[in-house]
């Protein structure tokens, strides 16, 4: 599923990333990344250390 791919991309990067960077690194469409990130935020799997950047919890 796309949420797993987004989470995996964030873990592999080892640094906070923006949605556009996640889309580019994972090869996914940005809209798909945004949707997956919304789900991950809702379940508390990702956190934002600074505005517009996300990392795994």
PDB file of N, CA and C in Angstrom:
ATOM      1  N   UNK A   1       0.841  -1.196   0.000  1.00  0.00           N
ATOM      2  CA  UNK A   1       0.000   0.000   0.000  1.00  0.00           C
ATOM      3  C   UNK A   1       0.880   1.252   0.000  1.00  0.00           C
ATOM      4  N   UNK A   2       0.328   2.353  -0.426  1.00  0.00           N
ATOM      5  CA  UNK A   2       1.101   3.582  -0.564  1.00  0.00           C
ATOM      6  C   UNK A   2       1.592   4.124   0.777  1.00  0.00           C
ATOM      7  N   UNK A   3       0.829   3.899   1.866  1.00  0.00           N
ATOM      8  CA  UNK A   3       1.278   4.395   3.173  1.00  0.00           C
ATOM      9  C   UNK A   3       2.581   3.707   3.585  1.00  0.00           C
ATOM     10  N   UNK A   4       2.686   2.421   3.307  1.00  0.00           N
ATOM     11  CA  UNK A   4       3.897   1.678   3.639  1.00  0.00           C
ATOM     12  C   UNK A   4       5.087   2.187   2.829  1.00  0.00           C
ATOM     13  N   UNK A   5       4.839   2.495   1.563  1.00  0.00           N
ATOM     14  CA  UNK A   5       5.913   2.985   0.694  1.00  0.00           C
ATOM     15  C   UNK A   5       6.398   4.361   1.159  1.00  0.00           C
ATOM     16  N   UNK A   6       5.466   5.226   1.562  1.00  0.00           N
ATOM     17  CA  UNK A   6       5.826   6.554   2.061  1.00  0.00           C
ATOM     18  C   UNK A   6       6.640   6.420   3.345  1.00  0.00           C
ATOM     19  N   UNK A   7       6.185   5.585   4.257  1.00  0.00           N
ATOM     20  CA  UNK A   7       6.883   5.383   5.519  1.00  0.00           C
ATOM     21  C   UNK A   7       8.277   4.807   5.279  1.00  0.00           C
ATOM     22  N   UNK A   8       8.383   3.851   4.383  1.00  0.00           N
ATOM     23  CA  UNK A   8       9.672   3.240   4.047  1.00  0.00           C
ATOM     24  C   UNK A   8      10.618   4.277   3.444  1.00  0.00           C
ATOM     25  N   UNK A   9      10.115   5.135   2.559  1.00  0.00           N
ATOM     26  CA  UNK A   9      10.930   6.180   1.938  1.00  0.00           C
ATOM     27  C   UNK A   9      11.465   7.135   2.999  1.00  0.00           C
ATOM     28  N   UNK A  10      10.614   7.513   3.956  1.00  0.00           N
ATOM     29  CA  UNK A  10      11.040   8.406   5.037  1.00  0.00           C
ATOM     30  C   UNK A  10      12.113   7.752   5.910  1.00  0.00           C
ATOM     31  N   UNK A  11      11.938   6.473   6.217  1.00  0.00           N
ATOM     32  CA  UNK A  11      12.908   5.759   7.053  1.00  0.00           C
ATOM     33  C   UNK A  11      14.251   5.645   6.345  1.00  0.00           C
ATOM     34  N   UNK A  12      14.224   5.335   5.047  1.00  0.00           N
ATOM     35  CA  UNK A  12      15.458   5.189   4.277  1.00  0.00           C
ATOM     36  C   UNK A  12      16.194   6.506   4.130  1.00  0.00           C
ATOM     37  N   UNK A  13      15.446   7.614   4.039  1.00  0.00           N
ATOM     38  CA  UNK A  13      16.068   8.926   3.876  1.00  0.00           C
ATOM     39  C   UNK A  13      16.844   9.316   5.131  1.00  0.00           C
ATOM     40  N   UNK A  14      16.317   8.947   6.295  1.00  0.00           N
ATOM     41  CA  UNK A  14      16.990   9.266   7.537  1.00  0.00           C
ATOM     42  C   UNK A  14      16.976  10.740   7.893  1.00  0.00           C
ATOM     43  N   UNK A  15      16.109  11.508   7.242  1.00  0.00           N
ATOM     44  CA  UNK A  15      15.983  12.939   7.524  1.00  0.00           C
ATOM     45  C   UNK A  15      14.555  13.369   7.225  1.00  0.00           C
ATOM     46  N   UNK A  16      14.110  14.467   7.811  1.00  0.00           N
ATOM     47  CA  UNK A  16      12.763  14.966   7.503  1.00  0.00           C
ATOM     48  C   UNK A  16      12.659  15.366   6.027  1.00  0.00           C
ATOM     49  N   UNK A  17      11.510  15.063   5.416  1.00  0.00           N
ATOM     50  CA  UNK A  17      11.311  15.359   3.993  1.00  0.00           C
ATOM     51  C   UNK A  17       9.968  16.035   3.768  1.00  0.00           C
ATOM     52  N   UNK A  18       9.889  16.790   2.663  1.00  0.00           N
ATOM     53  CA  UNK A  18       8.624  17.390   2.241  1.00  0.00           C
ATOM     54  C   UNK A  18       7.905  16.386   1.338  1.00  0.00           C
ATOM     55  N   UNK A  19       6.602  16.598   1.164  1.00  0.00           N
ATOM     56  CA  UNK A  19       5.802  15.684   0.343  1.00  0.00           C
ATOM     57  C   UNK A  19       6.360  15.552  -1.074  1.00  0.00           C
ATOM     58  N   UNK A  20       6.783  16.646  -1.660  1.00  0.00           N
ATOM     59  CA  UNK A  20       7.350  16.616  -3.014  1.00  0.00           C
ATOM     60  C   UNK A  20       8.612  15.778  -3.094  1.00  0.00           C
ATOM     61  N   UNK A  21       9.437  15.878  -2.063  1.00  0.00           N
ATOM     62  CA  UNK A  21      10.679  15.089  -2.016  1.00  0.00           C
ATOM     63  C   UNK A  21      10.366  13.602  -1.859  1.00  0.00           C
ATOM     64  N   UNK A  22       9.350  13.298  -1.056  1.00  0.00           N
ATOM     65  CA  UNK A  22       8.937  11.903  -0.868  1.00  0.00           C
ATOM     66  C   UNK A  22       8.431  11.336  -2.198  1.00  0.00           C
ATOM     67  N   UNK A  23       7.612  12.129  -2.902  1.00  0.00           N
ATOM     68  CA  UNK A  23       7.082  11.701  -4.197  1.00  0.00           C
ATOM     69  C   UNK A  23       8.210  11.408  -5.176  1.00  0.00           C
ATOM     70  N   UNK A  24       9.191  12.301  -5.219  1.00  0.00           N
ATOM     71  CA  UNK A  24      10.319  12.133  -6.139  1.00  0.00           C
ATOM     72  C   UNK A  24      11.155  10.909  -5.767  1.00  0.00           C
ATOM     73  N   UNK A  25      11.443  10.750  -4.476  1.00  0.00           N
ATOM     74  CA  UNK A  25      12.281   9.635  -4.029  1.00  0.00           C
ATOM     75  C   UNK A  25      11.600   8.279  -4.188  1.00  0.00           C
ATOM     76  N   UNK A  26      10.280   8.246  -4.030  1.00  0.00           N
ATOM     77  CA  UNK A  26       9.555   6.972  -4.092  1.00  0.00           C
ATOM     78  C   UNK A  26       9.032   6.652  -5.490  1.00  0.00           C
ATOM     79  N   UNK A  27       9.012   7.670  -6.355  1.00  0.00           N
ATOM     80  CA  UNK A  27       8.489   7.465  -7.702  1.00  0.00           C
ATOM     81  C   UNK A  27       6.964   7.476  -7.751  1.00  0.00           C
ATOM     82  N   UNK A  28       6.342   7.922  -6.659  1.00  0.00           N
ATOM     83  CA  UNK A  28       4.879   7.973  -6.585  1.00  0.00           C
ATOM     84  C   UNK A  28       4.380   9.346  -7.034  1.00  0.00           C
ATOM     85  N   UNK A  29       3.095   9.419  -7.355  1.00  0.00           N
ATOM     86  CA  UNK A  29       2.459  10.683  -7.692  1.00  0.00           C
ATOM     87  C   UNK A  29       2.280  11.496  -6.413  1.00  0.00           C
ATOM     88  N   UNK A  30       2.461  12.820  -6.481  1.00  0.00           N
ATOM     89  CA  UNK A  30       2.367  13.657  -5.284  1.00  0.00           C
ATOM     90  C   UNK A  30       0.987  13.573  -4.635  1.00  0.00           C
ATOM     91  N   UNK A  31      -0.067  13.477  -5.428  1.00  0.00           N
ATOM     92  CA  UNK A  31      -1.419  13.361  -4.861  1.00  0.00           C
ATOM     93  C   UNK A  31      -1.550  12.081  -4.042  1.00  0.00           C
ATOM     94  N   UNK A  32      -0.944  11.010  -4.541  1.00  0.00           N
ATOM     95  CA  UNK A  32      -0.969   9.725  -3.837  1.00  0.00           C
ATOM     96  C   UNK A  32      -0.179   9.830  -2.527  1.00  0.00           C
ATOM     97  N   UNK A  33       0.959  10.532  -2.578  1.00  0.00           N
ATOM     98  CA  UNK A  33       1.776  10.751  -1.380  1.00  0.00           C
ATOM     99  C   UNK A  33       0.994  11.563  -0.356  1.00  0.00           C
ATOM    100  N   UNK A  34       0.332  12.634  -0.799  1.00  0.00           N
ATOM    101  CA  UNK A  34      -0.458  13.474   0.110  1.00  0.00           C
ATOM    102  C   UNK A  34      -1.545  12.657   0.812  1.00  0.00           C
ATOM    103  N   UNK A  35      -2.212  11.791   0.051  1.00  0.00           N
ATOM    104  CA  UNK A  35      -3.274  10.952   0.605  1.00  0.00           C
ATOM    105  C   UNK A  35      -2.698   9.979   1.641  1.00  0.00           C
ATOM    106  N   UNK A  36      -1.578   9.366   1.318  1.00  0.00           N
ATOM    107  CA  UNK A  36      -0.935   8.419   2.227  1.00  0.00           C
ATOM    108  C   UNK A  36      -0.452   9.127   3.489  1.00  0.00           C
ATOM    109  N   UNK A  37       0.095  10.334   3.326  1.00  0.00           N
ATOM    110  CA  UNK A  37       0.591  11.089   4.475  1.00  0.00           C
ATOM    111  C   UNK A  37      -0.550  11.504   5.397  1.00  0.00           C
ATOM    112  N   UNK A  38      -1.691  11.814   4.821  1.00  0.00           N
ATOM    113  CA  UNK A  38      -2.860  12.184   5.629  1.00  0.00           C
ATOM    114  C   UNK A  38      -3.256  11.002   6.529  1.00  0.00           C
ATOM    115  N   UNK A  39      -3.241   9.798   5.962  1.00  0.00           N
ATOM    116  CA  UNK A  39      -3.565   8.593   6.727  1.00  0.00           C
ATOM    117  C   UNK A  39      -2.509   8.328   7.802  1.00  0.00           C
ATOM    118  N   UNK A  40      -1.234   8.502   7.450  1.00  0.00           N
ATOM    119  CA  UNK A  40      -0.149   8.277   8.405  1.00  0.00           C
ATOM    120  C   UNK A  40      -0.203   9.287   9.551  1.00  0.00           C
ATOM    121  N   UNK A  41      -0.552  10.542   9.239  1.00  0.00           N
ATOM    122  CA  UNK A  41      -0.689  11.568  10.277  1.00  0.00           C
ATOM    123  C   UNK A  41      -1.820  11.196  11.230  1.00  0.00           C
ATOM    124  N   UNK A  42      -2.929  10.727  10.682  1.00  0.00           N
ATOM    125  CA  UNK A  42      -4.104  10.372  11.480  1.00  0.00           C
ATOM    126  C   UNK A  42      -3.794   9.238  12.462  1.00  0.00           C
ATOM    127  N   UNK A  43      -2.958   8.288  12.045  1.00  0.00           N
ATOM    128  CA  UNK A  43      -2.632   7.180  12.942  1.00  0.00           C
ATOM    129  C   UNK A  43      -1.383   7.458  13.786  1.00  0.00           C
ATOM    130  N   UNK A  44      -0.778   8.633  13.599  1.00  0.00           N
ATOM    131  CA  UNK A  44       0.366   9.026  14.420  1.00  0.00           C
ATOM    132  C   UNK A  44       1.675   8.363  14.042  1.00  0.00           C
ATOM    133  N   UNK A  45       1.780   7.871  12.811  1.00  0.00           N
ATOM    134  CA  UNK A  45       2.997   7.187  12.372  1.00  0.00           C
ATOM    135  C   UNK A  45       4.094   8.160  11.939  1.00  0.00           C
ATOM    136  N   UNK A  46       3.710   9.378  11.565  1.00  0.00           N
ATOM    137  CA  UNK A  46       4.691  10.392  11.172  1.00  0.00           C
ATOM    138  C   UNK A  46       4.454  11.672  11.977  1.00  0.00           C
ATOM    139  N   UNK A  47       5.539  12.406  12.185  1.00  0.00           N
ATOM    140  CA  UNK A  47       5.468  13.672  12.924  1.00  0.00           C
ATOM    141  C   UNK A  47       6.198  14.751  12.130  1.00  0.00           C
ATOM    142  N   UNK A  48       5.879  16.000  12.428  1.00  0.00           N
ATOM    143  CA  UNK A  48       6.498  17.122  11.738  1.00  0.00           C
ATOM    144  C   UNK A  48       7.452  17.858  12.680  1.00  0.00           C
ATOM    145  N   UNK A  49       8.781  17.723  12.447  1.00  0.00           N
ATOM    146  CA  UNK A  49       9.741  18.414  13.304  1.00  0.00           C
ATOM    147  C   UNK A  49       9.806  19.911  12.995  1.00  0.00           C
ATOM    148  N   UNK A  50       9.453  20.271  11.757  1.00  0.00           N
ATOM    149  CA  UNK A  50       9.370  21.669  11.365  1.00  0.00           C
ATOM    150  C   UNK A  50       8.359  21.803  10.233  1.00  0.00           C
ATOM    151  N   UNK A  51       7.874  23.001  10.006  1.00  0.00           N
ATOM    152  CA  UNK A  51       6.802  23.260   9.048  1.00  0.00           C
ATOM    153  C   UNK A  51       7.062  22.605   7.691  1.00  0.00           C
ATOM    154  N   UNK A  52       6.097  21.831   7.220  1.00  0.00           N
ATOM    155  CA  UNK A  52       6.117  21.164   5.903  1.00  0.00           C
ATOM    156  C   UNK A  52       7.091  19.995   5.782  1.00  0.00           C
ATOM    157  N   UNK A  53       7.780  19.641   6.828  1.00  0.00           N
ATOM    158  CA  UNK A  53       8.696  18.501   6.792  1.00  0.00           C
ATOM    159  C   UNK A  53       8.143  17.401   7.688  1.00  0.00           C
ATOM    160  N   UNK A  54       8.350  16.147   7.261  1.00  0.00           N
ATOM    161  CA  UNK A  54       7.808  15.006   7.988  1.00  0.00           C
ATOM    162  C   UNK A  54       8.867  13.944   8.176  1.00  0.00           C
ATOM    163  N   UNK A  55       8.734  13.191   9.283  1.00  0.00           N
ATOM    164  CA  UNK A  55       9.635  12.079   9.550  1.00  0.00           C
ATOM    165  C   UNK A  55       8.863  11.006  10.303  1.00  0.00           C
ATOM    166  N   UNK A  56       9.369   9.752  10.290  1.00  0.00           N
ATOM    167  CA  UNK A  56       8.680   8.687  11.038  1.00  0.00           C
ATOM    168  C   UNK A  56       8.732   8.980  12.528  1.00  0.00           C
ATOM    169  N   UNK A  57       7.714   8.570  13.245  1.00  0.00           N
ATOM    170  CA  UNK A  57       7.665   8.796  14.701  1.00  0.00           C
ATOM    171  C   UNK A  57       8.616   7.866  15.406  1.00  0.00           C
TER     172      UNK A  57
END
